[in-house]
Amino acid sequence: MLHRVQQTVHYLGAAGADDRHATETARILRGLGADHEVIVAGLLHDRAKPAATRLWHRVAGVLLARFAPRVRARLARGGSTFARYLDHARRGAELARADGASDRVVGLIARHHDIPVDDDERLLARADREALP
């Protein structure tokens, strides 16, 4: 967990990090042989993450997911930056659905912070992790 927090600190220090992260995630997926839909999910997976996300949002989100998932679920409701950060996977999936993305792409985006259960989810999780600086 400490390694994940250290990666996040480094990641937040870079200007335009979210755009670079999405592009790098897609590049890694291409290199891993992912098909078009998985690559699209990689480009869009963090689309609903608020621009005002701070380090404490990310650290608190990781800790809540690990130690208090029910509290995390309650806090994810609402319109605050923290709530939108905690719920960005679901909200991003809704945006993708509204834009006409396939059910597969929508599902990958919605589950990108869950434990991967199939090959597509494992590819996206790997690329997401490797795309961190």
Protein backbone atom coordinates (compact mmCIF):
# COMPACT_ATOMS: atom_id res chain seq x y z
CA MET A 1 0.00 0.00 0.00
CA LEU A 2 2.86 2.41 0.76
CA HIS A 3 4.19 1.92 -2.77
CA ARG A 4 0.76 2.87 -4.19
CA VAL A 5 0.72 6.07 -2.09
CA GLN A 6 4.25 6.95 -3.23
CA GLN A 7 3.24 6.42 -6.87
CA THR A 8 0.24 8.69 -6.34
CA VAL A 9 2.38 11.47 -4.82
CA HIS A 10 4.69 11.33 -7.85
CA TYR A 11 1.75 11.16 -10.25
CA LEU A 12 0.08 14.25 -8.75
CA GLY A 13 3.23 16.29 -9.16
CA ALA A 14 3.04 16.18 -12.94
CA ALA A 15 1.06 18.85 -14.80
CA GLY A 16 -1.52 17.36 -17.14
CA ALA A 17 -1.04 14.00 -15.45
CA ASP A 18 -4.58 12.75 -16.12
CA ASP A 19 -4.31 13.20 -19.90
CA ARG A 20 -0.84 11.65 -19.96
CA HIS A 21 -2.04 8.79 -17.78
CA ALA A 22 -4.94 8.01 -20.13
CA THR A 23 -2.68 8.13 -23.18
CA GLU A 24 -0.02 6.00 -21.51
CA THR A 25 -2.64 3.48 -20.35
CA ALA A 26 -3.86 3.12 -23.94
CA ARG A 27 -0.29 2.82 -25.27
CA ILE A 28 0.48 0.05 -22.81
CA LEU A 29 -2.74 -1.76 -23.68
CA ARG A 30 -1.83 -1.62 -27.39
CA GLY A 31 1.57 -3.09 -26.57
CA LEU A 32 -0.07 -5.89 -24.57
CA GLY A 33 -2.20 -6.80 -27.58
CA ALA A 34 -5.51 -5.51 -26.22
CA ASP A 35 -8.32 -5.05 -28.70
CA HIS A 36 -9.94 -1.74 -29.62
CA GLU A 37 -12.62 -1.78 -26.91
CA VAL A 38 -10.16 -2.42 -24.09
CA ILE A 39 -7.95 0.40 -25.42
CA VAL A 40 -10.96 2.74 -25.50
CA ALA A 41 -11.75 1.78 -21.89
CA GLY A 42 -8.13 2.60 -21.04
CA LEU A 43 -8.45 6.05 -22.59
CA LEU A 44 -11.71 6.79 -20.78
CA HIS A 45 -11.31 5.02 -17.44
CA ASP A 46 -10.52 8.15 -15.40
CA ARG A 47 -12.63 10.57 -17.43
CA ALA A 48 -14.95 11.42 -14.50
CA LYS A 49 -12.15 11.92 -11.98
CA PRO A 50 -12.45 15.51 -10.73
CA ALA A 51 -9.70 17.90 -11.79
CA ALA A 52 -9.59 19.21 -8.20
CA THR A 53 -8.64 15.80 -6.80
CA ARG A 54 -5.99 16.17 -4.11
CA LEU A 55 -3.53 13.73 -2.64
CA TRP A 56 -5.61 13.30 0.51
CA HIS A 57 -8.62 12.24 -1.61
CA ARG A 58 -6.59 9.46 -3.16
CA VAL A 59 -4.95 8.30 0.06
CA ALA A 60 -8.26 8.37 1.93
CA GLY A 61 -9.94 6.48 -0.91
CA VAL A 62 -7.34 3.68 -0.79
CA LEU A 63 -7.56 3.44 3.00
CA LEU A 64 -11.36 3.47 3.03
CA ALA A 65 -11.53 0.80 0.33
CA ARG A 66 -9.22 -1.40 2.36
CA PHE A 67 -10.52 -0.82 5.90
CA ALA A 68 -14.03 0.68 5.67
CA PRO A 69 -15.71 -0.11 2.34
CA ARG A 70 -19.23 0.63 3.63
CA VAL A 71 -18.14 4.06 4.83
CA ARG A 72 -16.47 4.62 1.47
CA ALA A 73 -19.72 3.73 -0.33
CA ARG A 74 -21.69 6.22 1.78
CA LEU A 75 -19.12 8.97 1.23
CA ALA A 76 -19.20 8.39 -2.55
CA ARG A 77 -22.73 9.79 -2.73
CA GLY A 78 -23.06 13.49 -3.38
CA GLY A 79 -21.41 16.23 -5.32
CA SER A 80 -18.28 17.07 -3.36
CA THR A 81 -14.90 16.60 -4.98
CA PHE A 82 -14.22 13.70 -2.61
CA ALA A 83 -17.54 12.02 -3.43
CA ARG A 84 -16.94 12.46 -7.16
CA TYR A 85 -13.42 11.04 -6.80
CA LEU A 86 -14.64 8.00 -4.86
CA ASP A 87 -17.40 7.40 -7.44
CA HIS A 88 -15.47 8.32 -10.59
CA ALA A 89 -15.51 4.80 -12.02
CA ARG A 90 -19.31 4.56 -11.95
CA ARG A 91 -19.75 8.14 -13.15
CA GLY A 92 -17.23 7.62 -15.95
CA ALA A 93 -19.10 4.51 -17.04
CA GLU A 94 -22.33 6.53 -17.19
CA LEU A 95 -20.62 9.16 -19.34
CA ALA A 96 -19.31 6.47 -21.68
CA ARG A 97 -22.77 4.88 -21.95
CA ALA A 98 -24.31 8.28 -22.72
CA ASP A 99 -21.70 8.73 -25.47
CA GLY A 100 -22.67 5.38 -27.03
CA ALA A 101 -19.82 3.18 -25.81
CA SER A 102 -20.39 -0.56 -25.89
CA ASP A 103 -21.54 -2.45 -22.81
CA ARG A 104 -18.09 -4.01 -22.63
CA VAL A 105 -16.32 -0.63 -22.50
CA VAL A 106 -18.84 0.71 -19.99
CA GLY A 107 -18.34 -2.35 -17.77
CA LEU A 108 -14.56 -2.10 -17.87
CA ILE A 109 -14.67 1.56 -16.87
CA ALA A 110 -17.20 0.89 -14.09
CA ARG A 111 -15.05 -1.90 -12.60
CA HIS A 112 -11.56 -0.50 -13.10
CA HIS A 113 -10.95 -0.18 -9.34
CA ASP A 114 -12.42 -3.58 -8.48
CA ILE A 115 -10.46 -6.80 -8.25
CA PRO A 116 -10.11 -8.01 -11.86
CA VAL A 117 -12.19 -11.08 -12.67
CA ASP A 118 -11.40 -11.64 -16.35
CA ASP A 119 -8.60 -11.13 -18.85
CA ASP A 120 -9.87 -7.73 -20.05
CA GLU A 121 -10.06 -6.39 -16.51
CA ARG A 122 -6.59 -7.77 -15.72
CA LEU A 123 -5.17 -6.05 -18.82
CA LEU A 124 -6.76 -2.73 -17.90
CA ALA A 125 -5.62 -2.99 -14.27
CA ARG A 126 -2.07 -3.80 -15.36
CA ALA A 127 -1.93 -0.93 -17.85
CA ASP A 128 -3.48 1.48 -15.34
CA ARG A 129 -0.87 0.52 -12.74
CA GLU A 130 2.05 0.61 -15.20
CA ALA A 131 0.96 3.99 -16.58
CA LEU A 132 1.67 5.64 -13.24
CA PRO A 133 5.00 7.47 -13.34
